[in-house]
Amino acid sequence: MSESEKKEEALSEPEAVVEEEVATPTEETVSEEIETEAVTEPEAAQGKAEEVEPEAEEKEGEEEIEVVEEKVYTISLRHVWVVTPRGKRAPRAVRDVRAFVSRHMKAEEVAISDEINSAIWSRGINKPPRKITVRAVKDKEGKVIVYPAKAA
């Protein structure tokens, strides 16, 4: 035999031994695997159901703010178009929305939701909307959160 054939035989023999060890599981390990699968499947199904419920609770948690006052306003942003340079219109519109809601709801702390912010910025910094309809919610601590108005 040549040297290359001897190397091939030497390499192939340990692989065969490893394959035999892996390929022959004992009956005990098979029964243990079946038991663990049987236990984990119902737990996994219960876990999935529990994961869905907190997501629904989080969405409801947003609406469960103790509402003292809730009003719907249509805010005109024409002034932003007339007075402000093009490159600063969207930030000015956000400030104007905050000032308008603060003035009308008599609150010092006003938070603007991501939906309102994205609506103002939807056409870029140069062209915010001419008017926007919002729903302002005031909680018992005096904090106001501005959401988009719900379609009737």
C-alpha atoms as a PDB file:
ATOM      1  CA  MET A   1       0.000   0.000   0.000  1.00  0.00           C
ATOM      2  CA  SER A   2       1.082   3.509  -0.688  1.00  0.00           C
ATOM      3  CA  GLU A   3       1.404   6.218   1.924  1.00  0.00           C
ATOM      4  CA  SER A   4      -1.712   8.051   0.774  1.00  0.00           C
ATOM      5  CA  GLU A   5      -3.832   4.893   1.141  1.00  0.00           C
ATOM      6  CA  LYS A   6      -2.513   4.341   4.684  1.00  0.00           C
ATOM      7  CA  LYS A   7      -3.426   7.941   5.607  1.00  0.00           C
ATOM      8  CA  GLU A   8      -6.924   7.486   4.209  1.00  0.00           C
ATOM      9  CA  GLU A   9      -7.467   4.300   6.222  1.00  0.00           C
ATOM     10  CA  ALA A  10      -6.143   5.936   9.371  1.00  0.00           C
ATOM     11  CA  LEU A  11      -8.480   8.890   8.951  1.00  0.00           C
ATOM     12  CA  SER A  12     -11.524   6.783   8.088  1.00  0.00           C
ATOM     13  CA  GLU A  13     -11.261   4.403  11.070  1.00  0.00           C
ATOM     14  CA  PRO A  14     -11.728   6.959  13.902  1.00  0.00           C
ATOM     15  CA  GLU A  15     -14.670   8.490  12.064  1.00  0.00           C
ATOM     16  CA  ALA A  16     -16.376   5.111  11.917  1.00  0.00           C
ATOM     17  CA  VAL A  17     -15.897   4.687  15.664  1.00  0.00           C
ATOM     18  CA  VAL A  18     -17.375   8.116  16.355  1.00  0.00           C
ATOM     19  CA  GLU A  19     -20.329   7.422  14.094  1.00  0.00           C
ATOM     20  CA  GLU A  20     -21.052   4.159  15.911  1.00  0.00           C
ATOM     21  CA  GLU A  21     -21.065   5.900  19.291  1.00  0.00           C
ATOM     22  CA  VAL A  22     -23.453   8.582  18.091  1.00  0.00           C
ATOM     23  CA  ALA A  23     -25.630   6.294  16.004  1.00  0.00           C
ATOM     24  CA  THR A  24     -26.476   3.878  18.848  1.00  0.00           C
ATOM     25  CA  PRO A  25     -28.390   5.694  21.581  1.00  0.00           C
ATOM     26  CA  THR A  26     -29.477   3.596  24.516  1.00  0.00           C
ATOM     27  CA  GLU A  27     -33.101   2.987  25.338  1.00  0.00           C
ATOM     28  CA  GLU A  28     -32.801   5.079  28.497  1.00  0.00           C
ATOM     29  CA  THR A  29     -31.683   8.215  26.629  1.00  0.00           C
ATOM     30  CA  VAL A  30     -34.468   7.801  24.073  1.00  0.00           C
ATOM     31  CA  SER A  31     -37.123   7.500  26.804  1.00  0.00           C
ATOM     32  CA  GLU A  32     -35.646  10.528  28.626  1.00  0.00           C
ATOM     33  CA  GLU A  33     -35.810  12.595  25.413  1.00  0.00           C
ATOM     34  CA  ILE A  34     -39.447  11.610  24.876  1.00  0.00           C
ATOM     35  CA  GLU A  35     -40.347  12.547  28.471  1.00  0.00           C
ATOM     36  CA  THR A  36     -38.641  15.944  28.217  1.00  0.00           C
ATOM     37  CA  GLU A  37     -40.364  16.694  24.900  1.00  0.00           C
ATOM     38  CA  ALA A  38     -43.735  15.752  26.383  1.00  0.00           C
ATOM     39  CA  VAL A  39     -43.148  18.077  29.333  1.00  0.00           C
ATOM     40  CA  THR A  40     -41.814  21.027  27.327  1.00  0.00           C
ATOM     41  CA  GLU A  41     -44.493  21.126  24.601  1.00  0.00           C
ATOM     42  CA  PRO A  42     -47.447  22.035  26.860  1.00  0.00           C
ATOM     43  CA  GLU A  43     -45.249  24.481  28.791  1.00  0.00           C
ATOM     44  CA  ALA A  44     -44.234  26.119  25.531  1.00  0.00           C
ATOM     45  CA  ALA A  45     -47.866  26.374  24.453  1.00  0.00           C
ATOM     46  CA  GLN A  46     -48.775  27.972  27.779  1.00  0.00           C
ATOM     47  CA  GLY A  47     -45.800  30.325  27.512  1.00  0.00           C
ATOM     48  CA  LYS A  48     -46.923  31.512  24.073  1.00  0.00           C
ATOM     49  CA  ALA A  49     -50.412  32.242  25.372  1.00  0.00           C
ATOM     50  CA  GLU A  50     -48.937  34.174  28.292  1.00  0.00           C
ATOM     51  CA  GLU A  51     -46.720  36.183  25.951  1.00  0.00           C
ATOM     52  CA  VAL A  52     -49.715  37.313  23.899  1.00  0.00           C
ATOM     53  CA  GLU A  53     -51.654  38.545  26.922  1.00  0.00           C
ATOM     54  CA  PRO A  54     -49.026  41.060  28.189  1.00  0.00           C
ATOM     55  CA  GLU A  55     -48.834  42.652  24.737  1.00  0.00           C
ATOM     56  CA  ALA A  56     -52.576  43.237  24.833  1.00  0.00           C
ATOM     57  CA  GLU A  57     -52.258  44.606  28.372  1.00  0.00           C
ATOM     58  CA  GLU A  58     -49.518  47.015  27.293  1.00  0.00           C
ATOM     59  CA  LYS A  59     -51.738  48.444  24.550  1.00  0.00           C
ATOM     60  CA  GLU A  60     -54.602  48.816  27.010  1.00  0.00           C
ATOM     61  CA  GLY A  61     -52.203  50.335  29.569  1.00  0.00           C
ATOM     62  CA  GLU A  62     -51.679  53.282  27.258  1.00  0.00           C
ATOM     63  CA  GLU A  63     -55.403  54.017  27.308  1.00  0.00           C
ATOM     64  CA  GLU A  64     -55.765  53.349  31.059  1.00  0.00           C
ATOM     65  CA  ILE A  65     -54.359  56.735  32.023  1.00  0.00           C
ATOM     66  CA  GLU A  66     -56.727  58.340  34.493  1.00  0.00           C
ATOM     67  CA  VAL A  67     -58.272  60.856  32.135  1.00  0.00           C
ATOM     68  CA  VAL A  68     -59.385  64.097  33.713  1.00  0.00           C
ATOM     69  CA  GLU A  69     -60.022  65.942  30.472  1.00  0.00           C
ATOM     70  CA  GLU A  70     -59.980  64.967  26.801  1.00  0.00           C
ATOM     71  CA  LYS A  71     -60.510  67.341  23.885  1.00  0.00           C
ATOM     72  CA  VAL A  72     -60.153  67.238  20.102  1.00  0.00           C
ATOM     73  CA  TYR A  73     -58.559  70.216  18.363  1.00  0.00           C
ATOM     74  CA  THR A  74     -57.852  71.089  14.749  1.00  0.00           C
ATOM     75  CA  ILE A  75     -54.633  73.087  14.834  1.00  0.00           C
ATOM     76  CA  SER A  76     -53.883  75.389  11.922  1.00  0.00           C
ATOM     77  CA  LEU A  77     -50.213  75.442  10.969  1.00  0.00           C
ATOM     78  CA  ARG A  78     -50.532  78.132   8.244  1.00  0.00           C
ATOM     79  CA  HIS A  79     -48.535  80.501  10.380  1.00  0.00           C
ATOM     80  CA  VAL A  80     -45.571  78.104  10.211  1.00  0.00           C
ATOM     81  CA  TRP A  81     -45.627  78.260   6.412  1.00  0.00           C
ATOM     82  CA  VAL A  82     -45.773  82.065   6.296  1.00  0.00           C
ATOM     83  CA  VAL A  83     -43.320  83.086   9.013  1.00  0.00           C
ATOM     84  CA  THR A  84     -40.699  80.336   9.132  1.00  0.00           C
ATOM     85  CA  PRO A  85     -37.909  79.637   6.619  1.00  0.00           C
ATOM     86  CA  ARG A  86     -38.241  76.373   4.692  1.00  0.00           C
ATOM     87  CA  GLY A  87     -35.502  74.525   6.537  1.00  0.00           C
ATOM     88  CA  LYS A  88     -37.082  75.045   9.950  1.00  0.00           C
ATOM     89  CA  ARG A  89     -40.794  74.470   9.347  1.00  0.00           C
ATOM     90  CA  ALA A  90     -41.329  70.979  10.816  1.00  0.00           C
ATOM     91  CA  PRO A  91     -39.540  71.701  14.112  1.00  0.00           C
ATOM     92  CA  ARG A  92     -41.482  74.966  14.377  1.00  0.00           C
ATOM     93  CA  ALA A  93     -44.741  73.082  13.725  1.00  0.00           C
ATOM     94  CA  VAL A  94     -43.950  70.678  16.583  1.00  0.00           C
ATOM     95  CA  ARG A  95     -43.260  73.614  18.915  1.00  0.00           C
ATOM     96  CA  ASP A  96     -46.489  75.320  17.801  1.00  0.00           C
ATOM     97  CA  VAL A  97     -48.556  72.179  18.450  1.00  0.00           C
ATOM     98  CA  ARG A  98     -47.025  71.921  21.918  1.00  0.00           C
ATOM     99  CA  ALA A  99     -47.670  75.619  22.637  1.00  0.00           C
ATOM    100  CA  PHE A 100     -51.267  75.449  21.335  1.00  0.00           C
ATOM    101  CA  VAL A 101     -52.138  72.439  23.478  1.00  0.00           C
ATOM    102  CA  SER A 102     -50.402  73.920  26.509  1.00  0.00           C
ATOM    103  CA  ARG A 103     -52.357  77.153  26.134  1.00  0.00           C
ATOM    104  CA  HIS A 104     -55.759  75.522  25.598  1.00  0.00           C
ATOM    105  CA  MET A 105     -55.451  72.702  28.146  1.00  0.00           C
ATOM    106  CA  LYS A 106     -53.771  74.972  30.754  1.00  0.00           C
ATOM    107  CA  ALA A 107     -50.867  72.602  31.306  1.00  0.00           C
ATOM    108  CA  GLU A 108     -47.154  73.156  31.607  1.00  0.00           C
ATOM    109  CA  GLU A 109     -46.071  69.627  30.682  1.00  0.00           C
ATOM    110  CA  VAL A 110     -47.108  68.481  27.196  1.00  0.00           C
ATOM    111  CA  ALA A 111     -45.933  65.263  25.514  1.00  0.00           C
ATOM    112  CA  ILE A 112     -46.409  64.704  21.798  1.00  0.00           C
ATOM    113  CA  SER A 113     -46.952  61.116  20.679  1.00  0.00           C
ATOM    114  CA  ASP A 114     -44.838  59.480  17.984  1.00  0.00           C
ATOM    115  CA  GLU A 115     -47.844  59.353  15.646  1.00  0.00           C
ATOM    116  CA  ILE A 116     -48.297  63.133  15.734  1.00  0.00           C
ATOM    117  CA  ASN A 117     -44.575  63.681  15.324  1.00  0.00           C
ATOM    118  CA  SER A 118     -44.397  61.360  12.303  1.00  0.00           C
ATOM    119  CA  ALA A 119     -47.485  63.034  10.789  1.00  0.00           C
ATOM    120  CA  ILE A 120     -45.809  66.429  11.017  1.00  0.00           C
ATOM    121  CA  TRP A 121     -42.527  65.114   9.607  1.00  0.00           C
ATOM    122  CA  SER A 122     -44.160  62.841   6.970  1.00  0.00           C
ATOM    123  CA  ARG A 123     -43.363  65.196   4.057  1.00  0.00           C
ATOM    124  CA  GLY A 124     -40.005  66.280   5.427  1.00  0.00           C
ATOM    125  CA  ILE A 125     -38.696  69.370   7.142  1.00  0.00           C
ATOM    126  CA  ASN A 126     -39.841  71.774   4.398  1.00  0.00           C
ATOM    127  CA  LYS A 127     -43.532  70.890   4.077  1.00  0.00           C
ATOM    128  CA  PRO A 128     -45.405  70.102   7.286  1.00  0.00           C
ATOM    129  CA  PRO A 129     -49.199  69.792   6.983  1.00  0.00           C
ATOM    130  CA  ARG A 130     -51.261  73.005   6.824  1.00  0.00           C
ATOM    131  CA  LYS A 131     -53.481  71.780   9.657  1.00  0.00           C
ATOM    132  CA  ILE A 132     -53.612  68.761  11.926  1.00  0.00           C
ATOM    133  CA  THR A 133     -56.403  67.273  14.066  1.00  0.00           C
ATOM    134  CA  VAL A 134     -55.280  66.061  17.473  1.00  0.00           C
ATOM    135  CA  ARG A 135     -56.767  64.525  20.617  1.00  0.00           C
ATOM    136  CA  ALA A 136     -55.346  66.004  23.839  1.00  0.00           C
ATOM    137  CA  VAL A 137     -55.646  63.888  26.992  1.00  0.00           C
ATOM    138  CA  LYS A 138     -54.983  65.397  30.417  1.00  0.00           C
ATOM    139  CA  ASP A 139     -54.302  63.055  33.340  1.00  0.00           C
ATOM    140  CA  LYS A 140     -54.810  63.668  37.046  1.00  0.00           C
ATOM    141  CA  GLU A 141     -51.220  64.909  37.479  1.00  0.00           C
ATOM    142  CA  GLY A 142     -51.780  67.691  34.938  1.00  0.00           C
ATOM    143  CA  LYS A 143     -49.655  66.133  32.196  1.00  0.00           C
ATOM    144  CA  VAL A 144     -51.111  66.358  28.689  1.00  0.00           C
ATOM    145  CA  ILE A 145     -50.412  63.782  25.972  1.00  0.00           C
ATOM    146  CA  VAL A 146     -51.255  64.609  22.364  1.00  0.00           C
ATOM    147  CA  TYR A 147     -52.510  61.771  20.122  1.00  0.00           C
ATOM    148  CA  PRO A 148     -53.927  61.804  16.587  1.00  0.00           C
ATOM    149  CA  ALA A 149     -57.702  62.242  16.528  1.00  0.00           C
ATOM    150  CA  LYS A 150     -59.639  59.037  16.020  1.00  0.00           C
ATOM    151  CA  ALA A 151     -61.595  58.797  12.792  1.00  0.00           C
ATOM    152  CA  ALA A 152     -65.322  58.997  13.547  1.00  0.00           C
END
